[in-house]
Every structure is written in C-alpha cells, then in structure tokens.
Amino acid sequence: MTHSHKPTSRSAARRAAIVDAAMRHFAEHGYEATRVQDIAQELGIAKGSVFQHFGDKQGLFVAAYRRAVTAFHAYQDAPDEVQRRGFFATLRYWLERTDQMLRQDWVPYRVCLLGNYGIDLAVRREINRFLVSEDPYGTAPFVRSGIERGELRTDIDPEMIVSILEWTIERFQDALLVEELDPGLFRRYDGRPERTAARIDQFLIVLRGAIGVESMSRTRSKRRTSQNAGAKRRRLR
C-alpha cells in the first residue's frame, strides 16, 4: 500500500512541472513556435515523457489553458459587500480590476489569449468542452443568482444569458488589455483611466439593456402597445 501512492505522486509532480514550463513557453513564443522538445530539454526529460502525459502538443496546450483559467477568480469570488450590491455591481467590480490580471502575472492571461484567438479549431473545440463542462468562472450560478435577485430577464433562457456573458465579457476585457500584449489584434483606443472607466460604464449600459429586467419591461410594454394598436385597427374596420 505504501508504494502504490509514490508513482502517482511523482507522476502528478512531473505533470505539474511540465504544465508550468509549457505555460511559459506558450506565453513567450506563441502556440506555433513553441516546441515540445524545448520544454522537455528545459526540464531535463525525454520528449516522449511529455507525450506520455499529454498525448500531443494540443493536449499539452489544453492542459496549460486549464491551468491558466484556474488562476483567475470566479464571479462569485467578489467580496460579500460587492455581491450584496447586486449582479451588475459585481460585474463592474471585476471589469474595473481587469488590468490586475496583467499586473499580477501576464503568463496565464497570455495563455488564455492564445486559447481564445491563436489556435486552430481542433484545439478550440477541446477548450470549449472544458469551459462548458466545468464552468471555471462560475458563470451559470452567477446568472442564477441574478435571476433570483430579480435583476435579470426571465423571458430569456438562462443558458442564453450565460452565453451572452461569455461572448461579451471576455472579449471586452481582452480589448481593454490586449494592446499591451498583442498590438493590432483589437482596435486601438485611448487607454487613460478615465476613458477606461467611461467604456466600462457604456458597456454595462448596453449589457443591462440586453439582459436586465428593465429591458424586459420595455419589451412587454412595446408588445402591449403593438397589440392594443392592432386591436384598435380591427375595431375601426
């Protein structure tokens, strides 16, 4: 029994060391230019040992991406006093701290950026499976809490609201930061703090207009107005 745990422990440690090295290589060189041979050489192991753990370069990158994502907070990791202010206040809290991702450690953010924009479709499919199955940012429970608080629309499938957040929040955060890492990938904008704050305000106005309860009320009001107008036209005939 004593010996059965040691290989597993050594294997886990080796796997973790490979992922750590791979994250740095992917972040520094990009996906295409990163060579498994270089990672193995840095660690003093055979290239076949890397493939034994991860199958191929794609598998290694997916493992690096998973590690990178878990370096970031989930939505509901915000302080309690922020969450008590509500769904959109919590979104604002994280958006205002977007630049901290880059200041704290640029490697995981760069790996995430590559996973989102710099890989082929086969790798992207694996990443999408991971994001859907494990929901690392806790988007689904965060949306449920917003619905329960009465802040989000109930006439839209919650899964659609989750998708809207995934499509827009990540892209918006990337646009705020990416000029420092990949100039030209997004349209350049004035990055002064006051300009960034104004962009966050505008983004939340648009998002609230799409999924907030106020937009549901406006939709229902327009629908009633249209129905009343149709009924009036029929009476006049």
C-alpha atoms as a PDB file:
ATOM      1  CA  MET A   1       0.000   0.000   0.000  1.00  0.00           C
ATOM      2  CA  THR A   2       2.822   2.384   0.837  1.00  0.00           C
ATOM      3  CA  HIS A   3       4.484   2.021  -2.551  1.00  0.00           C
ATOM      4  CA  SER A   4       1.274   2.358  -4.607  1.00  0.00           C
ATOM      5  CA  HIS A   5       0.934   6.079  -3.852  1.00  0.00           C
ATOM      6  CA  LYS A   6       4.501   7.106  -4.698  1.00  0.00           C
ATOM      7  CA  PRO A   7       4.349   6.699  -8.503  1.00  0.00           C
ATOM      8  CA  THR A   8       1.078   8.632  -8.579  1.00  0.00           C
ATOM      9  CA  SER A   9       2.624  11.418  -6.528  1.00  0.00           C
ATOM     10  CA  ARG A  10       5.753  11.544  -8.694  1.00  0.00           C
ATOM     11  CA  SER A  11       3.638  11.432 -11.836  1.00  0.00           C
ATOM     12  CA  ALA A  12       1.464  14.326 -10.629  1.00  0.00           C
ATOM     13  CA  ALA A  13       4.532  16.377  -9.737  1.00  0.00           C
ATOM     14  CA  ARG A  14       6.111  15.687 -13.142  1.00  0.00           C
ATOM     15  CA  ARG A  15       2.883  16.586 -14.909  1.00  0.00           C
ATOM     16  CA  ALA A  16       2.599  19.858 -12.958  1.00  0.00           C
ATOM     17  CA  ALA A  17       6.207  20.779 -13.773  1.00  0.00           C
ATOM     18  CA  ILE A  18       5.597  20.147 -17.476  1.00  0.00           C
ATOM     19  CA  VAL A  19       2.488  22.342 -17.455  1.00  0.00           C
ATOM     20  CA  ASP A  20       4.324  25.153 -15.647  1.00  0.00           C
ATOM     21  CA  ALA A  21       7.135  25.112 -18.208  1.00  0.00           C
ATOM     22  CA  ALA A  22       4.695  24.834 -21.103  1.00  0.00           C
ATOM     23  CA  MET A  23       2.741  27.870 -19.916  1.00  0.00           C
ATOM     24  CA  ARG A  24       5.889  29.999 -20.000  1.00  0.00           C
ATOM     25  CA  HIS A  25       6.883  28.727 -23.439  1.00  0.00           C
ATOM     26  CA  PHE A  26       3.415  29.257 -24.926  1.00  0.00           C
ATOM     27  CA  ALA A  27       3.182  32.718 -23.357  1.00  0.00           C
ATOM     28  CA  GLU A  28       6.601  33.788 -24.616  1.00  0.00           C
ATOM     29  CA  HIS A  29       6.632  32.184 -28.075  1.00  0.00           C
ATOM     30  CA  GLY A  30       3.005  31.577 -29.044  1.00  0.00           C
ATOM     31  CA  TYR A  31       1.396  28.263 -29.923  1.00  0.00           C
ATOM     32  CA  GLU A  32       3.001  27.553 -33.279  1.00  0.00           C
ATOM     33  CA  ALA A  33       6.564  28.499 -32.312  1.00  0.00           C
ATOM     34  CA  THR A  34       6.572  26.533 -29.058  1.00  0.00           C
ATOM     35  CA  ARG A  35       8.408  23.214 -29.374  1.00  0.00           C
ATOM     36  CA  VAL A  36       7.779  20.276 -27.067  1.00  0.00           C
ATOM     37  CA  GLN A  37      11.461  19.374 -27.439  1.00  0.00           C
ATOM     38  CA  ASP A  38      12.462  22.713 -25.878  1.00  0.00           C
ATOM     39  CA  ILE A  39      10.130  22.184 -22.924  1.00  0.00           C
ATOM     40  CA  ALA A  40      11.480  18.694 -22.331  1.00  0.00           C
ATOM     41  CA  GLN A  41      15.066  19.908 -22.597  1.00  0.00           C
ATOM     42  CA  GLU A  42      14.438  22.645 -20.041  1.00  0.00           C
ATOM     43  CA  LEU A  43      13.109  20.050 -17.601  1.00  0.00           C
ATOM     44  CA  GLY A  44      15.831  17.517 -18.358  1.00  0.00           C
ATOM     45  CA  ILE A  45      13.404  14.837 -19.510  1.00  0.00           C
ATOM     46  CA  ALA A  46      12.740  12.992 -22.757  1.00  0.00           C
ATOM     47  CA  LYS A  47      10.228  14.450 -25.204  1.00  0.00           C
ATOM     48  CA  GLY A  48       8.408  11.119 -25.048  1.00  0.00           C
ATOM     49  CA  SER A  49       7.748  11.735 -21.355  1.00  0.00           C
ATOM     50  CA  VAL A  50       5.761  14.851 -22.266  1.00  0.00           C
ATOM     51  CA  PHE A  51       3.759  12.917 -24.835  1.00  0.00           C
ATOM     52  CA  GLN A  52       3.173  10.137 -22.319  1.00  0.00           C
ATOM     53  CA  HIS A  53       1.392  12.602 -20.046  1.00  0.00           C
ATOM     54  CA  PHE A  54      -0.441  14.751 -22.601  1.00  0.00           C
ATOM     55  CA  GLY A  55      -0.635  12.798 -25.851  1.00  0.00           C
ATOM     56  CA  ASP A  56       0.498  15.581 -28.157  1.00  0.00           C
ATOM     57  CA  LYS A  57       1.144  19.313 -28.324  1.00  0.00           C
ATOM     58  CA  GLN A  58      -2.567  20.067 -28.494  1.00  0.00           C
ATOM     59  CA  GLY A  59      -3.182  18.122 -25.312  1.00  0.00           C
ATOM     60  CA  LEU A  60      -0.331  19.970 -23.622  1.00  0.00           C
ATOM     61  CA  PHE A  61      -1.760  23.341 -24.614  1.00  0.00           C
ATOM     62  CA  VAL A  62      -5.238  22.431 -23.345  1.00  0.00           C
ATOM     63  CA  ALA A  63      -3.671  21.457 -20.004  1.00  0.00           C
ATOM     64  CA  ALA A  64      -1.827  24.791 -19.921  1.00  0.00           C
ATOM     65  CA  TYR A  65      -5.044  26.641 -20.761  1.00  0.00           C
ATOM     66  CA  ARG A  66      -6.920  24.866 -17.974  1.00  0.00           C
ATOM     67  CA  ARG A  67      -4.191  25.829 -15.512  1.00  0.00           C
ATOM     68  CA  ALA A  68      -4.270  29.434 -16.750  1.00  0.00           C
ATOM     69  CA  VAL A  69      -8.031  29.746 -16.346  1.00  0.00           C
ATOM     70  CA  THR A  70      -7.947  28.470 -12.779  1.00  0.00           C
ATOM     71  CA  ALA A  71      -5.524  31.294 -11.922  1.00  0.00           C
ATOM     72  CA  PHE A  72      -8.420  33.760 -12.300  1.00  0.00           C
ATOM     73  CA  HIS A  73     -11.283  34.402  -9.910  1.00  0.00           C
ATOM     74  CA  ALA A  74     -14.859  33.228 -10.446  1.00  0.00           C
ATOM     75  CA  TYR A  75     -17.591  35.879 -10.482  1.00  0.00           C
ATOM     76  CA  GLN A  76     -18.840  34.979  -7.018  1.00  0.00           C
ATOM     77  CA  ASP A  77     -15.375  35.302  -5.513  1.00  0.00           C
ATOM     78  CA  ALA A  78     -16.099  39.034  -5.279  1.00  0.00           C
ATOM     79  CA  PRO A  79     -16.283  40.390  -1.701  1.00  0.00           C
ATOM     80  CA  ASP A  80     -19.619  39.897   0.042  1.00  0.00           C
ATOM     81  CA  GLU A  81     -20.304  43.633   0.219  1.00  0.00           C
ATOM     82  CA  VAL A  82     -19.914  43.849  -3.564  1.00  0.00           C
ATOM     83  CA  GLN A  83     -22.211  40.893  -4.209  1.00  0.00           C
ATOM     84  CA  ARG A  84     -24.834  42.395  -1.910  1.00  0.00           C
ATOM     85  CA  ARG A  85     -24.985  45.390  -4.242  1.00  0.00           C
ATOM     86  CA  GLY A  86     -26.140  43.075  -6.991  1.00  0.00           C
ATOM     87  CA  PHE A  87     -25.370  41.369 -10.280  1.00  0.00           C
ATOM     88  CA  PHE A  88     -24.260  44.380 -12.306  1.00  0.00           C
ATOM     89  CA  ALA A  89     -22.279  45.825  -9.386  1.00  0.00           C
ATOM     90  CA  THR A  90     -20.361  42.542  -9.256  1.00  0.00           C
ATOM     91  CA  LEU A  91     -19.690  42.712 -12.993  1.00  0.00           C
ATOM     92  CA  ARG A  92     -18.405  46.259 -12.572  1.00  0.00           C
ATOM     93  CA  TYR A  93     -16.119  45.146  -9.731  1.00  0.00           C
ATOM     94  CA  TRP A  94     -14.367  42.592 -11.937  1.00  0.00           C
ATOM     95  CA  LEU A  95     -14.247  44.795 -15.036  1.00  0.00           C
ATOM     96  CA  GLU A  96     -12.592  47.569 -13.049  1.00  0.00           C
ATOM     97  CA  ARG A  97      -9.927  45.072 -11.960  1.00  0.00           C
ATOM     98  CA  THR A  98      -9.206  43.721 -15.429  1.00  0.00           C
ATOM     99  CA  ASP A  99      -5.746  45.286 -15.533  1.00  0.00           C
ATOM    100  CA  GLN A 100      -4.786  43.415 -12.351  1.00  0.00           C
ATOM    101  CA  MET A 101      -4.735  40.200 -14.389  1.00  0.00           C
ATOM    102  CA  LEU A 102      -1.863  41.617 -16.391  1.00  0.00           C
ATOM    103  CA  ARG A 103      -0.013  43.230 -13.494  1.00  0.00           C
ATOM    104  CA  GLN A 104      -0.161  40.171 -11.242  1.00  0.00           C
ATOM    105  CA  ASP A 105       1.048  37.622 -13.802  1.00  0.00           C
ATOM    106  CA  TRP A 106       0.935  38.056 -17.545  1.00  0.00           C
ATOM    107  CA  VAL A 107       1.662  34.384 -18.322  1.00  0.00           C
ATOM    108  CA  PRO A 108      -1.810  32.888 -17.600  1.00  0.00           C
ATOM    109  CA  TYR A 109      -3.531  35.789 -19.319  1.00  0.00           C
ATOM    110  CA  ARG A 110      -1.346  35.372 -22.408  1.00  0.00           C
ATOM    111  CA  VAL A 111      -2.111  31.633 -22.494  1.00  0.00           C
ATOM    112  CA  CYS A 112      -5.841  32.396 -22.268  1.00  0.00           C
ATOM    113  CA  LEU A 113      -5.461  34.929 -25.060  1.00  0.00           C
ATOM    114  CA  LEU A 114      -3.802  32.323 -27.257  1.00  0.00           C
ATOM    115  CA  GLY A 115      -6.562  29.835 -26.450  1.00  0.00           C
ATOM    116  CA  ASN A 116      -9.199  32.345 -27.480  1.00  0.00           C
ATOM    117  CA  TYR A 117      -7.617  33.696 -30.651  1.00  0.00           C
ATOM    118  CA  GLY A 118      -4.363  31.992 -31.591  1.00  0.00           C
ATOM    119  CA  ILE A 119      -5.075  28.288 -32.073  1.00  0.00           C
ATOM    120  CA  ASP A 120      -6.740  26.038 -34.621  1.00  0.00           C
ATOM    121  CA  LEU A 121     -10.321  24.814 -34.409  1.00  0.00           C
ATOM    122  CA  ALA A 122      -9.424  21.343 -33.121  1.00  0.00           C
ATOM    123  CA  VAL A 123      -7.795  22.796 -30.004  1.00  0.00           C
ATOM    124  CA  ARG A 124     -10.556  25.364 -29.628  1.00  0.00           C
ATOM    125  CA  ARG A 125     -13.154  22.579 -29.558  1.00  0.00           C
ATOM    126  CA  GLU A 126     -11.353  20.946 -26.638  1.00  0.00           C
ATOM    127  CA  ILE A 127     -11.222  24.269 -24.818  1.00  0.00           C
ATOM    128  CA  ASN A 128     -14.924  24.870 -25.439  1.00  0.00           C
ATOM    129  CA  ARG A 129     -15.755  21.441 -23.997  1.00  0.00           C
ATOM    130  CA  PHE A 130     -13.784  22.298 -20.877  1.00  0.00           C
ATOM    131  CA  LEU A 131     -15.440  25.712 -20.488  1.00  0.00           C
ATOM    132  CA  VAL A 132     -18.942  24.283 -20.914  1.00  0.00           C
ATOM    133  CA  SER A 133     -18.478  21.195 -18.738  1.00  0.00           C
ATOM    134  CA  GLU A 134     -16.576  22.795 -15.853  1.00  0.00           C
ATOM    135  CA  ASP A 135     -17.687  26.443 -15.991  1.00  0.00           C
ATOM    136  CA  PRO A 136     -14.448  27.658 -14.341  1.00  0.00           C
ATOM    137  CA  TYR A 137     -15.678  31.229 -13.867  1.00  0.00           C
ATOM    138  CA  GLY A 138     -18.945  30.113 -12.264  1.00  0.00           C
ATOM    139  CA  THR A 139     -20.992  31.950 -14.890  1.00  0.00           C
ATOM    140  CA  ALA A 140     -24.080  29.715 -14.598  1.00  0.00           C
ATOM    141  CA  PRO A 141     -24.537  30.083 -10.803  1.00  0.00           C
ATOM    142  CA  PHE A 142     -23.783  33.796 -11.118  1.00  0.00           C
ATOM    143  CA  VAL A 143     -26.600  34.159 -13.673  1.00  0.00           C
ATOM    144  CA  ARG A 144     -28.952  32.137 -11.462  1.00  0.00           C
ATOM    145  CA  SER A 145     -28.225  34.481  -8.572  1.00  0.00           C
ATOM    146  CA  GLY A 146     -29.020  37.468 -10.790  1.00  0.00           C
ATOM    147  CA  ILE A 147     -32.350  35.941 -11.784  1.00  0.00           C
ATOM    148  CA  GLU A 148     -33.173  35.113  -8.162  1.00  0.00           C
ATOM    149  CA  ARG A 149     -32.406  38.701  -7.159  1.00  0.00           C
ATOM    150  CA  GLY A 150     -34.826  39.935  -9.817  1.00  0.00           C
ATOM    151  CA  GLU A 151     -32.121  41.753 -11.785  1.00  0.00           C
ATOM    152  CA  LEU A 152     -32.115  39.624 -14.944  1.00  0.00           C
ATOM    153  CA  ARG A 153     -34.776  38.860 -17.506  1.00  0.00           C
ATOM    154  CA  THR A 154     -36.853  35.737 -17.025  1.00  0.00           C
ATOM    155  CA  ASP A 155     -38.203  35.661 -20.596  1.00  0.00           C
ATOM    156  CA  ILE A 156     -34.791  34.580 -21.916  1.00  0.00           C
ATOM    157  CA  ASP A 157     -33.329  31.112 -21.393  1.00  0.00           C
ATOM    158  CA  PRO A 158     -30.712  31.383 -18.594  1.00  0.00           C
ATOM    159  CA  GLU A 159     -28.293  29.437 -20.798  1.00  0.00           C
ATOM    160  CA  MET A 160     -28.603  32.176 -23.393  1.00  0.00           C
ATOM    161  CA  ILE A 161     -27.729  34.804 -20.770  1.00  0.00           C
ATOM    162  CA  VAL A 162     -24.709  32.684 -19.774  1.00  0.00           C
ATOM    163  CA  SER A 163     -23.643  32.589 -23.426  1.00  0.00           C
ATOM    164  CA  ILE A 164     -24.087  36.350 -23.818  1.00  0.00           C
ATOM    165  CA  LEU A 165     -21.811  36.946 -20.828  1.00  0.00           C
ATOM    166  CA  GLU A 166     -19.215  34.510 -22.132  1.00  0.00           C
ATOM    167  CA  TRP A 167     -19.253  36.105 -25.580  1.00  0.00           C
ATOM    168  CA  THR A 168     -19.090  39.722 -24.430  1.00  0.00           C
ATOM    169  CA  ILE A 169     -17.277  39.981 -21.079  1.00  0.00           C
ATOM    170  CA  GLU A 170     -14.162  38.127 -22.175  1.00  0.00           C
ATOM    171  CA  ARG A 171     -13.952  40.000 -25.466  1.00  0.00           C
ATOM    172  CA  PHE A 172     -14.395  43.340 -23.723  1.00  0.00           C
ATOM    173  CA  GLN A 173     -11.705  42.562 -21.154  1.00  0.00           C
ATOM    174  CA  ASP A 174      -9.357  41.475 -23.916  1.00  0.00           C
ATOM    175  CA  ALA A 175      -9.968  44.776 -25.709  1.00  0.00           C
ATOM    176  CA  LEU A 176      -9.078  46.665 -22.531  1.00  0.00           C
ATOM    177  CA  LEU A 177      -5.768  44.856 -22.099  1.00  0.00           C
ATOM    178  CA  VAL A 178      -4.557  43.360 -25.297  1.00  0.00           C
ATOM    179  CA  GLU A 179      -2.711  46.381 -26.739  1.00  0.00           C
ATOM    180  CA  GLU A 180      -0.003  45.751 -24.155  1.00  0.00           C
ATOM    181  CA  LEU A 181       0.462  42.149 -25.325  1.00  0.00           C
ATOM    182  CA  ASP A 182      -0.679  41.949 -28.938  1.00  0.00           C
ATOM    183  CA  PRO A 183      -0.844  45.398 -30.574  1.00  0.00           C
ATOM    184  CA  GLY A 184      -3.206  45.438 -33.521  1.00  0.00           C
ATOM    185  CA  LEU A 185      -5.357  42.455 -32.526  1.00  0.00           C
ATOM    186  CA  PHE A 186      -8.094  44.809 -31.364  1.00  0.00           C
ATOM    187  CA  ARG A 187      -8.884  48.343 -32.433  1.00  0.00           C
ATOM    188  CA  ARG A 188      -6.663  50.806 -30.602  1.00  0.00           C
ATOM    189  CA  TYR A 189      -8.333  53.111 -28.092  1.00  0.00           C
ATOM    190  CA  ASP A 190      -7.334  55.787 -25.594  1.00  0.00           C
ATOM    191  CA  GLY A 191      -6.260  53.781 -22.548  1.00  0.00           C
ATOM    192  CA  ARG A 192      -6.365  56.603 -19.991  1.00  0.00           C
ATOM    193  CA  PRO A 193      -8.056  55.535 -16.703  1.00  0.00           C
ATOM    194  CA  GLU A 194     -10.950  57.972 -17.131  1.00  0.00           C
ATOM    195  CA  ARG A 195     -11.528  56.704 -20.671  1.00  0.00           C
ATOM    196  CA  THR A 196     -11.462  53.093 -19.471  1.00  0.00           C
ATOM    197  CA  ALA A 197     -13.997  53.928 -16.744  1.00  0.00           C
ATOM    198  CA  ALA A 198     -16.284  55.534 -19.326  1.00  0.00           C
ATOM    199  CA  ARG A 199     -16.026  52.456 -21.566  1.00  0.00           C
ATOM    200  CA  ILE A 200     -16.954  50.196 -18.655  1.00  0.00           C
ATOM    201  CA  ASP A 201     -19.976  52.421 -17.915  1.00  0.00           C
ATOM    202  CA  GLN A 202     -21.085  52.250 -21.533  1.00  0.00           C
ATOM    203  CA  PHE A 203     -20.547  48.509 -21.764  1.00  0.00           C
ATOM    204  CA  LEU A 204     -22.684  47.887 -18.663  1.00  0.00           C
ATOM    205  CA  ILE A 205     -25.439  50.152 -20.001  1.00  0.00           C
ATOM    206  CA  VAL A 206     -25.555  48.080 -23.193  1.00  0.00           C
ATOM    207  CA  LEU A 207     -25.453  44.785 -21.276  1.00  0.00           C
ATOM    208  CA  ARG A 208     -28.152  45.872 -18.825  1.00  0.00           C
ATOM    209  CA  GLY A 209     -30.264  46.931 -21.776  1.00  0.00           C
ATOM    210  CA  ALA A 210     -29.973  43.423 -23.229  1.00  0.00           C
ATOM    211  CA  ILE A 211     -30.436  41.156 -20.198  1.00  0.00           C
ATOM    212  CA  GLY A 212     -31.637  43.391 -17.343  1.00  0.00           C
ATOM    213  CA  VAL A 213     -35.230  43.432 -16.088  1.00  0.00           C
ATOM    214  CA  GLU A 214     -35.666  46.982 -17.378  1.00  0.00           C
ATOM    215  CA  SER A 215     -35.299  45.741 -20.946  1.00  0.00           C
ATOM    216  CA  MET A 216     -37.874  43.007 -20.290  1.00  0.00           C
ATOM    217  CA  SER A 217     -40.330  45.642 -19.054  1.00  0.00           C
ATOM    218  CA  ARG A 218     -39.743  47.737 -22.180  1.00  0.00           C
ATOM    219  CA  THR A 219     -40.223  44.689 -24.403  1.00  0.00           C
ATOM    220  CA  ARG A 220     -43.529  43.827 -22.727  1.00  0.00           C
ATOM    221  CA  SER A 221     -44.674  47.443 -22.910  1.00  0.00           C
ATOM    222  CA  LYS A 222     -43.913  47.593 -26.635  1.00  0.00           C
ATOM    223  CA  ARG A 223     -45.690  44.281 -27.149  1.00  0.00           C
ATOM    224  CA  ARG A 224     -48.799  45.551 -25.321  1.00  0.00           C
ATOM    225  CA  THR A 225     -48.717  48.810 -27.286  1.00  0.00           C
ATOM    226  CA  SER A 226     -48.480  46.882 -30.554  1.00  0.00           C
ATOM    227  CA  GLN A 227     -51.321  44.553 -29.527  1.00  0.00           C
ATOM    228  CA  ASN A 228     -53.514  47.488 -28.482  1.00  0.00           C
ATOM    229  CA  ALA A 229     -52.811  49.264 -31.759  1.00  0.00           C
ATOM    230  CA  GLY A 230     -53.705  46.128 -33.691  1.00  0.00           C
ATOM    231  CA  ALA A 231     -56.953  45.730 -31.754  1.00  0.00           C
ATOM    232  CA  LYS A 232     -57.823  49.381 -32.408  1.00  0.00           C
ATOM    233  CA  ARG A 233     -57.236  48.962 -36.147  1.00  0.00           C
ATOM    234  CA  ARG A 234     -59.507  45.903 -36.191  1.00  0.00           C
ATOM    235  CA  ARG A 235     -62.297  47.818 -34.448  1.00  0.00           C
ATOM    236  CA  LEU A 236     -62.051  50.623 -36.979  1.00  0.00           C
ATOM    237  CA  ARG A 237     -62.523  48.308 -39.948  1.00  0.00           C
END
